[in-house]
């Protein structure tokens, strides 16, 4: 079995470590000293030690929040990305949402972004959609059944989410830029709205879920909403909603990032483990 070293990460990564250990991998960690894990998992005392134990180094998803330090919610120590890069030369470094400018620090390292792997992206849509629905149920003053709900965008997450909402009995609308997607939206049994025609319908919705990672709901568009409309933005930074304008107008907005890790860390860890094992097979076969 392959040795695997893990540096930092949230509860998904903690669960991943336990799952890998149960499967017979020898797991070494650093930056997880406050996490509860199996006693068989070795907690290393330095970056140099943990990176020396394996040629496979796994880190946080997302890797960083400030582009300087690894996300380490289970550690009081700060771990600089530039320091990791010194010790992983010639190895394989695996993390999530690695910004393009960070690749320059890993010139002599094989870097794999987990969130660019199609299998994990697809599997994560399930927990993302469920998380959005959980928020809608908790924050809305109405039942989702019978509510008019607009899903902004028609990508992977939107398709899964729209299907779940329809199953609950919501009146589902999907926004898109293209007439081709309009045809698909109709085929799935939802109601299509072209972006160019969005202003004509915005005042009808009880809930809006945005999946588009650039500002669509501007101040002008937000003024068209009912004041009790709930917006849930699940898009990555900068999101799709003018947050300052929403607060100013009095629209309830919840920006919900990294839902898989928040709502279903064990399931998310299973998805990460499946993807990691696919990566290890690819490395072995090449």
Foldseek 3Di string as FASTA:
>chain_A
DFEEEEEAEDLLVQLLQQVCVVVPHAYEYELQVQDDHDPSHHYDDDLLVRLVRHLHYEYYAAQDDPQFFGHRPNHPDTHGLLVNLVRNAPGEYEYADDDPVSVVSNVRYHYYHLCVDPLLVLLLLQLLLVLVVVCCCVPAPDQLAAFEEEEEDDDRNNVNNQVVSVVSRHQYEYEDQDVVVQVVCVVSPHHYDYLVRCLVCQQRGQEYEYADADASAELVSLVSYDLNREYEFAYPPPTHHPVVSCVVSNHHYHDDYPSCCVRPSNSSSVSSSVSVVVVVVVVVVD
